[in-house]
N, C-alpha and C. Protein backbone atom coordinates (compact mmCIF):
# COMPACT_ATOMS: atom_id res chain seq x y z
N MET A 1 -42.24 -94.67 -11.24
CA MET A 1 -40.86 -95.09 -11.34
C MET A 1 -39.99 -94.29 -10.38
N ARG A 2 -40.26 -93.03 -10.24
CA ARG A 2 -39.45 -92.18 -9.37
C ARG A 2 -39.57 -92.61 -7.91
N LYS A 3 -40.77 -93.00 -7.49
CA LYS A 3 -40.95 -93.47 -6.11
C LYS A 3 -40.19 -94.77 -5.90
N PHE A 4 -40.20 -95.65 -6.91
CA PHE A 4 -39.47 -96.90 -6.80
C PHE A 4 -37.98 -96.62 -6.65
N PHE A 5 -37.48 -95.68 -7.41
CA PHE A 5 -36.08 -95.27 -7.31
C PHE A 5 -35.77 -94.79 -5.92
N TRP A 6 -36.64 -93.96 -5.39
CA TRP A 6 -36.44 -93.38 -4.05
C TRP A 6 -36.39 -94.49 -3.01
N VAL A 7 -37.28 -95.45 -3.08
CA VAL A 7 -37.32 -96.54 -2.11
C VAL A 7 -36.07 -97.41 -2.26
N SER A 8 -35.69 -97.70 -3.48
CA SER A 8 -34.53 -98.56 -3.70
C SER A 8 -33.24 -97.96 -3.18
N CYS A 9 -33.16 -96.66 -3.21
CA CYS A 9 -31.93 -95.99 -2.78
C CYS A 9 -31.97 -95.61 -1.31
N SER A 10 -32.93 -96.10 -0.57
CA SER A 10 -33.05 -95.70 0.83
C SER A 10 -31.86 -96.13 1.67
N LEU A 11 -31.08 -97.09 1.21
CA LEU A 11 -29.87 -97.47 1.94
C LEU A 11 -28.82 -96.36 1.87
N PHE A 12 -28.94 -95.52 0.88
CA PHE A 12 -27.92 -94.50 0.68
C PHE A 12 -28.33 -93.14 1.19
N ILE A 13 -29.61 -92.90 1.30
CA ILE A 13 -30.05 -91.62 1.87
C ILE A 13 -31.21 -91.87 2.81
N VAL A 14 -31.44 -90.97 3.63
CA VAL A 14 -32.56 -91.06 4.55
C VAL A 14 -33.71 -90.37 3.85
N THR A 15 -34.75 -91.12 3.61
CA THR A 15 -35.88 -90.53 2.94
C THR A 15 -36.72 -89.73 3.91
N ALA A 16 -37.71 -89.10 3.40
CA ALA A 16 -38.50 -88.11 4.12
C ALA A 16 -38.77 -88.44 5.58
N LEU A 17 -39.37 -89.54 5.90
CA LEU A 17 -39.73 -89.82 7.28
C LEU A 17 -39.21 -91.14 7.80
N GLY A 18 -39.45 -92.17 7.10
CA GLY A 18 -39.28 -93.50 7.64
C GLY A 18 -37.90 -93.86 8.12
N SER A 19 -36.85 -93.33 7.52
CA SER A 19 -35.51 -93.73 7.89
C SER A 19 -34.81 -92.77 8.83
N VAL A 20 -35.40 -91.65 9.11
CA VAL A 20 -34.71 -90.66 9.94
C VAL A 20 -34.26 -91.24 11.27
N PRO A 21 -35.11 -91.93 12.04
CA PRO A 21 -34.65 -92.43 13.33
C PRO A 21 -33.51 -93.43 13.21
N ALA A 22 -33.62 -94.35 12.29
CA ALA A 22 -32.59 -95.36 12.17
C ALA A 22 -31.28 -94.75 11.70
N GLN A 23 -31.32 -93.91 10.72
CA GLN A 23 -30.11 -93.32 10.19
C GLN A 23 -29.47 -92.33 11.15
N ALA A 24 -30.25 -91.61 11.89
CA ALA A 24 -29.69 -90.62 12.81
C ALA A 24 -28.84 -91.28 13.87
N GLN A 25 -29.11 -92.54 14.18
CA GLN A 25 -28.35 -93.25 15.19
C GLN A 25 -27.24 -94.08 14.60
N ASN A 26 -27.18 -94.20 13.30
CA ASN A 26 -26.19 -95.02 12.64
C ASN A 26 -24.92 -94.21 12.46
N SER A 27 -23.83 -94.59 13.12
CA SER A 27 -22.61 -93.80 13.08
C SER A 27 -21.87 -93.92 11.76
N SER A 28 -22.18 -94.94 10.96
CA SER A 28 -21.54 -95.05 9.65
C SER A 28 -22.60 -95.33 8.60
N PRO A 29 -23.44 -94.31 8.30
CA PRO A 29 -24.51 -94.53 7.34
C PRO A 29 -23.98 -94.73 5.93
N GLY A 30 -24.80 -95.35 5.11
CA GLY A 30 -24.49 -95.44 3.71
C GLY A 30 -23.82 -96.72 3.29
N SER A 31 -23.39 -97.54 4.18
CA SER A 31 -22.76 -98.78 3.83
C SER A 31 -23.75 -99.65 3.09
N PRO A 32 -23.40 -100.09 1.88
CA PRO A 32 -24.35 -100.90 1.12
C PRO A 32 -24.74 -102.18 1.84
N SER A 33 -23.90 -102.67 2.73
CA SER A 33 -24.22 -103.92 3.41
C SER A 33 -25.03 -103.71 4.68
N SER A 34 -25.24 -102.46 5.10
CA SER A 34 -26.01 -102.25 6.33
C SER A 34 -27.35 -101.64 6.01
N ALA A 35 -28.40 -102.34 6.37
CA ALA A 35 -29.75 -101.86 6.13
C ALA A 35 -30.18 -100.95 7.26
N PRO A 36 -30.94 -99.88 6.96
CA PRO A 36 -31.40 -98.99 8.01
C PRO A 36 -32.19 -99.70 9.09
N SER A 37 -32.90 -100.75 8.72
CA SER A 37 -33.72 -101.44 9.71
C SER A 37 -32.88 -102.17 10.75
N SER A 38 -31.58 -102.36 10.49
CA SER A 38 -30.75 -103.04 11.46
C SER A 38 -30.20 -102.10 12.52
N ALA A 39 -30.37 -100.81 12.33
CA ALA A 39 -29.89 -99.84 13.31
C ALA A 39 -30.83 -99.82 14.51
N PRO A 40 -30.30 -99.45 15.67
CA PRO A 40 -31.17 -99.38 16.85
C PRO A 40 -32.29 -98.38 16.64
N SER A 41 -33.40 -98.65 17.24
CA SER A 41 -34.56 -97.78 17.10
C SER A 41 -34.86 -97.09 18.41
N SER A 42 -35.45 -95.90 18.30
CA SER A 42 -35.80 -95.17 19.50
C SER A 42 -37.28 -95.30 19.80
N THR A 43 -37.87 -96.39 19.35
CA THR A 43 -39.29 -96.60 19.55
C THR A 43 -39.60 -96.75 21.03
N PRO A 44 -40.57 -95.98 21.54
CA PRO A 44 -40.93 -96.11 22.94
C PRO A 44 -41.49 -97.50 23.21
N SER A 45 -41.43 -97.93 24.47
CA SER A 45 -41.93 -99.25 24.81
C SER A 45 -43.43 -99.32 24.55
N LYS A 46 -43.87 -100.53 24.28
CA LYS A 46 -45.28 -100.72 23.95
C LYS A 46 -46.07 -101.23 25.15
N ALA A 47 -45.58 -100.99 26.34
CA ALA A 47 -46.29 -101.43 27.54
C ALA A 47 -47.61 -100.69 27.64
N PRO A 48 -48.68 -101.39 28.01
CA PRO A 48 -49.97 -100.72 28.11
C PRO A 48 -49.93 -99.64 29.19
N SER A 49 -50.62 -98.56 28.89
CA SER A 49 -50.64 -97.44 29.82
C SER A 49 -51.97 -96.72 29.70
N THR A 50 -52.49 -96.28 30.81
CA THR A 50 -53.76 -95.56 30.76
C THR A 50 -53.56 -94.09 30.49
N ALA A 51 -52.42 -93.53 30.87
CA ALA A 51 -52.12 -92.13 30.61
C ALA A 51 -50.83 -92.03 29.81
N PRO A 52 -50.77 -91.11 28.84
CA PRO A 52 -49.56 -90.98 28.06
C PRO A 52 -48.39 -90.53 28.93
N SER A 53 -47.21 -91.08 28.65
CA SER A 53 -46.03 -90.67 29.41
C SER A 53 -45.61 -89.28 28.95
N SER A 54 -44.74 -88.66 29.74
CA SER A 54 -44.29 -87.31 29.39
C SER A 54 -43.54 -87.31 28.06
N GLN A 55 -42.91 -88.46 27.70
CA GLN A 55 -42.22 -88.54 26.42
C GLN A 55 -43.21 -88.60 25.26
N GLN A 56 -44.41 -89.11 25.48
CA GLN A 56 -45.39 -89.21 24.42
C GLN A 56 -46.20 -87.93 24.27
N GLN A 57 -46.13 -87.06 25.24
CA GLN A 57 -46.84 -85.80 25.14
C GLN A 57 -45.95 -84.80 24.41
N VAL A 58 -46.54 -84.11 23.47
CA VAL A 58 -45.80 -83.15 22.66
C VAL A 58 -46.43 -81.78 22.88
N SER A 59 -45.63 -80.86 23.36
CA SER A 59 -46.14 -79.52 23.61
C SER A 59 -46.32 -78.80 22.28
N PRO A 60 -47.16 -77.77 22.26
CA PRO A 60 -47.34 -76.99 21.02
C PRO A 60 -46.01 -76.41 20.52
N GLU A 61 -45.15 -76.01 21.44
CA GLU A 61 -43.85 -75.45 21.04
C GLU A 61 -42.99 -76.53 20.36
N GLU A 62 -42.98 -77.74 20.96
CA GLU A 62 -42.22 -78.84 20.36
C GLU A 62 -42.78 -79.20 18.99
N LEU A 63 -44.08 -79.21 18.88
CA LEU A 63 -44.70 -79.54 17.61
C LEU A 63 -44.31 -78.54 16.53
N LYS A 64 -44.27 -77.28 16.89
CA LYS A 64 -43.88 -76.23 15.94
C LYS A 64 -42.43 -76.45 15.49
N LYS A 65 -41.55 -76.75 16.43
CA LYS A 65 -40.15 -77.01 16.09
C LYS A 65 -40.03 -78.25 15.22
N PHE A 66 -40.79 -79.29 15.58
CA PHE A 66 -40.77 -80.54 14.83
C PHE A 66 -41.19 -80.30 13.38
N VAL A 67 -42.28 -79.58 13.18
CA VAL A 67 -42.78 -79.32 11.83
C VAL A 67 -41.76 -78.50 11.04
N GLY A 68 -41.15 -77.52 11.69
CA GLY A 68 -40.12 -76.72 11.01
C GLY A 68 -38.95 -77.58 10.57
N ALA A 69 -38.50 -78.45 11.44
CA ALA A 69 -37.39 -79.34 11.10
C ALA A 69 -37.79 -80.29 9.98
N LEU A 70 -39.00 -80.82 10.07
CA LEU A 70 -39.47 -81.77 9.08
C LEU A 70 -39.56 -81.14 7.69
N LYS A 71 -40.01 -79.90 7.62
CA LYS A 71 -40.06 -79.19 6.33
C LYS A 71 -38.66 -79.10 5.73
N ASN A 72 -37.70 -78.75 6.56
CA ASN A 72 -36.32 -78.65 6.07
C ASN A 72 -35.77 -80.00 5.65
N ILE A 73 -36.12 -81.04 6.39
CA ILE A 73 -35.66 -82.39 6.07
C ILE A 73 -36.23 -82.84 4.72
N LEU A 74 -37.47 -82.51 4.46
CA LEU A 74 -38.07 -82.88 3.18
C LEU A 74 -37.35 -82.21 2.01
N VAL A 75 -36.97 -80.96 2.19
CA VAL A 75 -36.22 -80.24 1.15
C VAL A 75 -34.86 -80.93 0.95
N ILE A 76 -34.21 -81.28 2.03
CA ILE A 76 -32.91 -81.96 1.96
C ILE A 76 -33.06 -83.29 1.24
N ALA A 77 -34.11 -84.04 1.54
CA ALA A 77 -34.35 -85.34 0.90
C ALA A 77 -34.58 -85.17 -0.60
N GLN A 78 -35.34 -84.17 -0.98
CA GLN A 78 -35.58 -83.93 -2.42
C GLN A 78 -34.29 -83.55 -3.13
N ASP A 79 -33.49 -82.71 -2.48
CA ASP A 79 -32.20 -82.31 -3.05
C ASP A 79 -31.29 -83.52 -3.20
N SER A 80 -31.27 -84.38 -2.21
CA SER A 80 -30.45 -85.59 -2.27
C SER A 80 -30.89 -86.50 -3.40
N GLU A 81 -32.19 -86.63 -3.57
CA GLU A 81 -32.71 -87.47 -4.65
C GLU A 81 -32.27 -86.93 -6.01
N THR A 82 -32.34 -85.62 -6.17
CA THR A 82 -31.92 -84.99 -7.42
C THR A 82 -30.43 -85.24 -7.67
N GLN A 83 -29.63 -85.06 -6.64
CA GLN A 83 -28.19 -85.29 -6.77
C GLN A 83 -27.90 -86.75 -7.14
N MET A 84 -28.59 -87.67 -6.49
CA MET A 84 -28.38 -89.09 -6.77
C MET A 84 -28.75 -89.43 -8.21
N THR A 85 -29.85 -88.90 -8.67
CA THR A 85 -30.28 -89.15 -10.05
C THR A 85 -29.23 -88.63 -11.03
N GLN A 86 -28.71 -87.45 -10.77
CA GLN A 86 -27.69 -86.88 -11.64
C GLN A 86 -26.42 -87.72 -11.67
N VAL A 87 -25.99 -88.21 -10.50
CA VAL A 87 -24.79 -89.05 -10.42
C VAL A 87 -24.99 -90.33 -11.21
N ILE A 88 -26.13 -90.95 -11.04
CA ILE A 88 -26.42 -92.21 -11.74
C ILE A 88 -26.43 -91.98 -13.25
N GLN A 89 -27.11 -90.92 -13.68
CA GLN A 89 -27.19 -90.64 -15.12
C GLN A 89 -25.83 -90.25 -15.70
N LYS A 90 -25.02 -89.56 -14.92
CA LYS A 90 -23.70 -89.15 -15.38
C LYS A 90 -22.82 -90.37 -15.66
N GLN A 91 -23.07 -91.45 -14.97
CA GLN A 91 -22.31 -92.68 -15.19
C GLN A 91 -22.91 -93.55 -16.30
N GLY A 92 -23.92 -93.03 -16.98
CA GLY A 92 -24.48 -93.75 -18.12
C GLY A 92 -25.56 -94.77 -17.77
N LEU A 93 -26.07 -94.72 -16.55
CA LEU A 93 -27.15 -95.61 -16.15
C LEU A 93 -28.44 -94.82 -16.02
N THR A 94 -29.55 -95.48 -16.22
CA THR A 94 -30.83 -94.85 -15.91
C THR A 94 -31.17 -95.22 -14.48
N PRO A 95 -32.00 -94.41 -13.83
CA PRO A 95 -32.40 -94.79 -12.47
C PRO A 95 -33.03 -96.18 -12.41
N SER A 96 -33.85 -96.53 -13.39
CA SER A 96 -34.49 -97.85 -13.36
C SER A 96 -33.46 -98.97 -13.53
N ARG A 97 -32.47 -98.77 -14.39
CA ARG A 97 -31.44 -99.80 -14.56
C ARG A 97 -30.57 -99.90 -13.30
N PHE A 98 -30.25 -98.76 -12.72
CA PHE A 98 -29.51 -98.78 -11.46
C PHE A 98 -30.28 -99.59 -10.42
N ASN A 99 -31.59 -99.36 -10.33
CA ASN A 99 -32.42 -100.10 -9.37
C ASN A 99 -32.37 -101.60 -9.63
N GLU A 100 -32.43 -101.97 -10.90
CA GLU A 100 -32.36 -103.39 -11.26
C GLU A 100 -31.06 -104.01 -10.78
N ILE A 101 -29.96 -103.32 -11.06
CA ILE A 101 -28.64 -103.82 -10.66
C ILE A 101 -28.54 -103.86 -9.14
N TYR A 102 -28.99 -102.79 -8.50
CA TYR A 102 -28.96 -102.70 -7.04
C TYR A 102 -29.72 -103.87 -6.41
N LEU A 103 -30.92 -104.14 -6.91
CA LEU A 103 -31.73 -105.23 -6.36
C LEU A 103 -31.08 -106.59 -6.61
N ALA A 104 -30.45 -106.75 -7.77
CA ALA A 104 -29.76 -108.00 -8.08
C ALA A 104 -28.56 -108.20 -7.16
N LYS A 105 -27.88 -107.12 -6.84
CA LYS A 105 -26.72 -107.20 -5.93
C LYS A 105 -27.18 -107.49 -4.50
N LYS A 106 -28.28 -106.87 -4.12
CA LYS A 106 -28.81 -107.04 -2.77
C LYS A 106 -29.33 -108.47 -2.56
N ASN A 107 -29.95 -109.01 -3.58
CA ASN A 107 -30.54 -110.34 -3.50
C ASN A 107 -30.06 -111.15 -4.71
N PRO A 108 -29.00 -111.94 -4.54
CA PRO A 108 -28.43 -112.67 -5.67
C PRO A 108 -29.41 -113.59 -6.39
N SER A 109 -30.47 -114.01 -5.73
CA SER A 109 -31.44 -114.88 -6.40
C SER A 109 -32.37 -114.08 -7.32
N ALA A 110 -32.40 -112.76 -7.15
CA ALA A 110 -33.20 -111.91 -8.05
C ALA A 110 -32.37 -111.62 -9.29
N LYS A 111 -32.88 -112.01 -10.40
CA LYS A 111 -32.15 -111.82 -11.66
C LYS A 111 -32.67 -110.56 -12.36
N PRO A 112 -31.76 -109.70 -12.84
CA PRO A 112 -32.20 -108.53 -13.59
C PRO A 112 -32.80 -108.97 -14.93
N ALA A 113 -33.64 -108.11 -15.50
CA ALA A 113 -34.29 -108.42 -16.77
C ALA A 113 -33.24 -108.69 -17.85
N ASN A 114 -32.19 -107.90 -17.86
CA ASN A 114 -31.08 -108.09 -18.80
C ASN A 114 -29.81 -108.32 -18.01
N GLN A 115 -28.93 -109.14 -18.56
CA GLN A 115 -27.67 -109.42 -17.89
C GLN A 115 -26.89 -108.12 -17.69
N ILE A 116 -26.19 -108.01 -16.58
CA ILE A 116 -25.40 -106.82 -16.27
C ILE A 116 -24.11 -106.89 -17.08
N THR A 117 -23.91 -105.86 -17.89
CA THR A 117 -22.71 -105.80 -18.72
C THR A 117 -21.52 -105.35 -17.87
N PRO A 118 -20.30 -105.65 -18.33
CA PRO A 118 -19.13 -105.16 -17.60
C PRO A 118 -19.11 -103.63 -17.46
N LYS A 119 -19.57 -102.92 -18.49
CA LYS A 119 -19.61 -101.45 -18.41
C LYS A 119 -20.62 -101.00 -17.35
N GLU A 120 -21.78 -101.66 -17.30
CA GLU A 120 -22.77 -101.33 -16.27
C GLU A 120 -22.24 -101.64 -14.88
N GLU A 121 -21.54 -102.74 -14.75
CA GLU A 121 -20.95 -103.11 -13.46
C GLU A 121 -19.95 -102.05 -13.01
N GLN A 122 -19.12 -101.61 -13.95
CA GLN A 122 -18.13 -100.58 -13.64
C GLN A 122 -18.83 -99.28 -13.24
N SER A 123 -19.84 -98.89 -14.00
CA SER A 123 -20.59 -97.67 -13.68
C SER A 123 -21.25 -97.78 -12.32
N TYR A 124 -21.85 -98.92 -12.06
CA TYR A 124 -22.50 -99.15 -10.77
C TYR A 124 -21.48 -99.00 -9.63
N GLN A 125 -20.32 -99.62 -9.78
CA GLN A 125 -19.29 -99.56 -8.74
C GLN A 125 -18.77 -98.13 -8.54
N GLN A 126 -18.76 -97.33 -9.58
CA GLN A 126 -18.33 -95.94 -9.46
C GLN A 126 -19.40 -95.07 -8.81
N VAL A 127 -20.66 -95.42 -8.98
CA VAL A 127 -21.77 -94.66 -8.42
C VAL A 127 -21.89 -94.85 -6.91
N ILE A 128 -21.66 -96.05 -6.43
CA ILE A 128 -21.90 -96.37 -5.02
C ILE A 128 -21.19 -95.41 -4.05
N PRO A 129 -19.89 -95.17 -4.19
CA PRO A 129 -19.25 -94.25 -3.24
C PRO A 129 -19.81 -92.82 -3.32
N GLN A 130 -20.20 -92.41 -4.51
CA GLN A 130 -20.77 -91.08 -4.67
C GLN A 130 -22.13 -90.97 -3.98
N LEU A 131 -22.93 -92.02 -4.11
CA LEU A 131 -24.23 -92.03 -3.44
C LEU A 131 -24.07 -92.07 -1.92
N THR A 132 -23.07 -92.80 -1.48
CA THR A 132 -22.78 -92.86 -0.04
C THR A 132 -22.41 -91.48 0.48
N LYS A 133 -21.61 -90.76 -0.26
CA LYS A 133 -21.20 -89.41 0.14
C LYS A 133 -22.41 -88.48 0.17
N ILE A 134 -23.28 -88.56 -0.80
CA ILE A 134 -24.50 -87.75 -0.82
C ILE A 134 -25.34 -88.06 0.41
N GLN A 135 -25.47 -89.33 0.73
CA GLN A 135 -26.26 -89.75 1.89
C GLN A 135 -25.66 -89.21 3.18
N GLU A 136 -24.35 -89.32 3.32
CA GLU A 136 -23.69 -88.82 4.52
C GLU A 136 -23.87 -87.31 4.67
N ASP A 137 -23.72 -86.60 3.55
CA ASP A 137 -23.91 -85.15 3.58
C ASP A 137 -25.34 -84.79 3.96
N ALA A 138 -26.29 -85.54 3.40
CA ALA A 138 -27.71 -85.29 3.69
C ALA A 138 -28.00 -85.55 5.17
N GLN A 139 -27.40 -86.60 5.72
CA GLN A 139 -27.62 -86.92 7.13
C GLN A 139 -27.09 -85.79 8.02
N SER A 140 -25.94 -85.29 7.68
CA SER A 140 -25.36 -84.18 8.44
C SER A 140 -26.25 -82.95 8.36
N LYS A 141 -26.75 -82.66 7.18
CA LYS A 141 -27.65 -81.51 6.99
C LYS A 141 -28.95 -81.71 7.78
N ARG A 142 -29.46 -82.93 7.79
CA ARG A 142 -30.69 -83.21 8.54
C ARG A 142 -30.48 -83.01 10.04
N ASP A 143 -29.37 -83.51 10.54
CA ASP A 143 -29.08 -83.32 11.97
C ASP A 143 -29.01 -81.83 12.30
N LYS A 144 -28.34 -81.08 11.45
CA LYS A 144 -28.22 -79.64 11.67
C LYS A 144 -29.58 -78.95 11.57
N ALA A 145 -30.42 -79.41 10.65
CA ALA A 145 -31.76 -78.82 10.50
C ALA A 145 -32.60 -79.04 11.75
N ILE A 146 -32.47 -80.20 12.35
CA ILE A 146 -33.20 -80.51 13.59
C ILE A 146 -32.69 -79.61 14.71
N GLN A 147 -31.39 -79.54 14.85
CA GLN A 147 -30.79 -78.74 15.91
C GLN A 147 -31.04 -77.24 15.70
N ALA A 148 -31.10 -76.81 14.44
CA ALA A 148 -31.37 -75.39 14.15
C ALA A 148 -32.76 -74.97 14.61
N GLN A 149 -33.66 -75.93 14.74
CA GLN A 149 -35.01 -75.64 15.22
C GLN A 149 -35.07 -75.66 16.75
N GLY A 150 -33.92 -75.90 17.38
CA GLY A 150 -33.89 -75.93 18.84
C GLY A 150 -34.29 -77.27 19.43
N MET A 151 -34.15 -78.33 18.65
CA MET A 151 -34.52 -79.66 19.13
C MET A 151 -33.28 -80.54 19.22
N GLN A 152 -33.36 -81.49 20.13
CA GLN A 152 -32.34 -82.53 20.20
C GLN A 152 -32.80 -83.66 19.28
N ILE A 153 -31.87 -84.33 18.65
CA ILE A 153 -32.21 -85.40 17.70
C ILE A 153 -33.01 -86.52 18.36
N PRO A 154 -32.65 -86.99 19.56
CA PRO A 154 -33.47 -88.05 20.18
C PRO A 154 -34.93 -87.63 20.39
N ARG A 155 -35.15 -86.37 20.76
CA ARG A 155 -36.53 -85.92 20.97
C ARG A 155 -37.27 -85.83 19.64
N PHE A 156 -36.59 -85.37 18.61
CA PHE A 156 -37.19 -85.34 17.28
C PHE A 156 -37.63 -86.74 16.89
N GLU A 157 -36.77 -87.72 17.13
CA GLU A 157 -37.08 -89.11 16.80
C GLU A 157 -38.27 -89.63 17.60
N GLN A 158 -38.35 -89.25 18.87
CA GLN A 158 -39.50 -89.66 19.70
C GLN A 158 -40.79 -89.11 19.12
N ILE A 159 -40.79 -87.84 18.77
CA ILE A 159 -42.00 -87.22 18.22
C ILE A 159 -42.34 -87.86 16.88
N LEU A 160 -41.33 -88.15 16.07
CA LEU A 160 -41.56 -88.80 14.78
C LEU A 160 -42.21 -90.17 14.98
N THR A 161 -41.73 -90.90 15.95
CA THR A 161 -42.30 -92.22 16.25
C THR A 161 -43.75 -92.09 16.68
N ILE A 162 -44.02 -91.12 17.52
CA ILE A 162 -45.40 -90.88 17.97
C ILE A 162 -46.28 -90.54 16.77
N ALA A 163 -45.79 -89.67 15.90
CA ALA A 163 -46.56 -89.26 14.71
C ALA A 163 -46.81 -90.43 13.79
N GLN A 164 -45.83 -91.30 13.61
CA GLN A 164 -45.98 -92.45 12.73
C GLN A 164 -47.00 -93.46 13.26
N LYS A 165 -47.12 -93.54 14.58
CA LYS A 165 -48.06 -94.48 15.18
C LYS A 165 -49.49 -93.93 15.18
N SER A 166 -49.62 -92.65 15.02
CA SER A 166 -50.97 -92.03 15.08
C SER A 166 -51.75 -92.26 13.81
């Protein structure tokens, strides 16, 4: 259930790996109507090549910086998840009920198991701006964590893309 919660809330925070490139380039993250997949990607071209380009080669020093930044990003993601759970529960919703409502709002043809009550609707509407703020704060912390390791965000994203394809 916790993993489902984490995936469902990915519009509001950047999770461990998959959303970092998209969110890092999104100048207004957290908007419920904007999906991370719609943001520009820094994926290298897929043109066939016999030798790796200099962008695809990762030096041992870069790898060390990348791993250091990634460790910090994972801590930030876990902290964000905890904060989000607390905000949702403080408004009287369970994470699973929030997910149900969220999915129903995202896809009007998906019906929640139980009808959304006016109180749940109000709680949901109060949670959204708080989750957006948590996501924005987490994104700022992630950018700083990358830079604190001596890396530029675009290069971090390139290495992340390479790692994801491996």
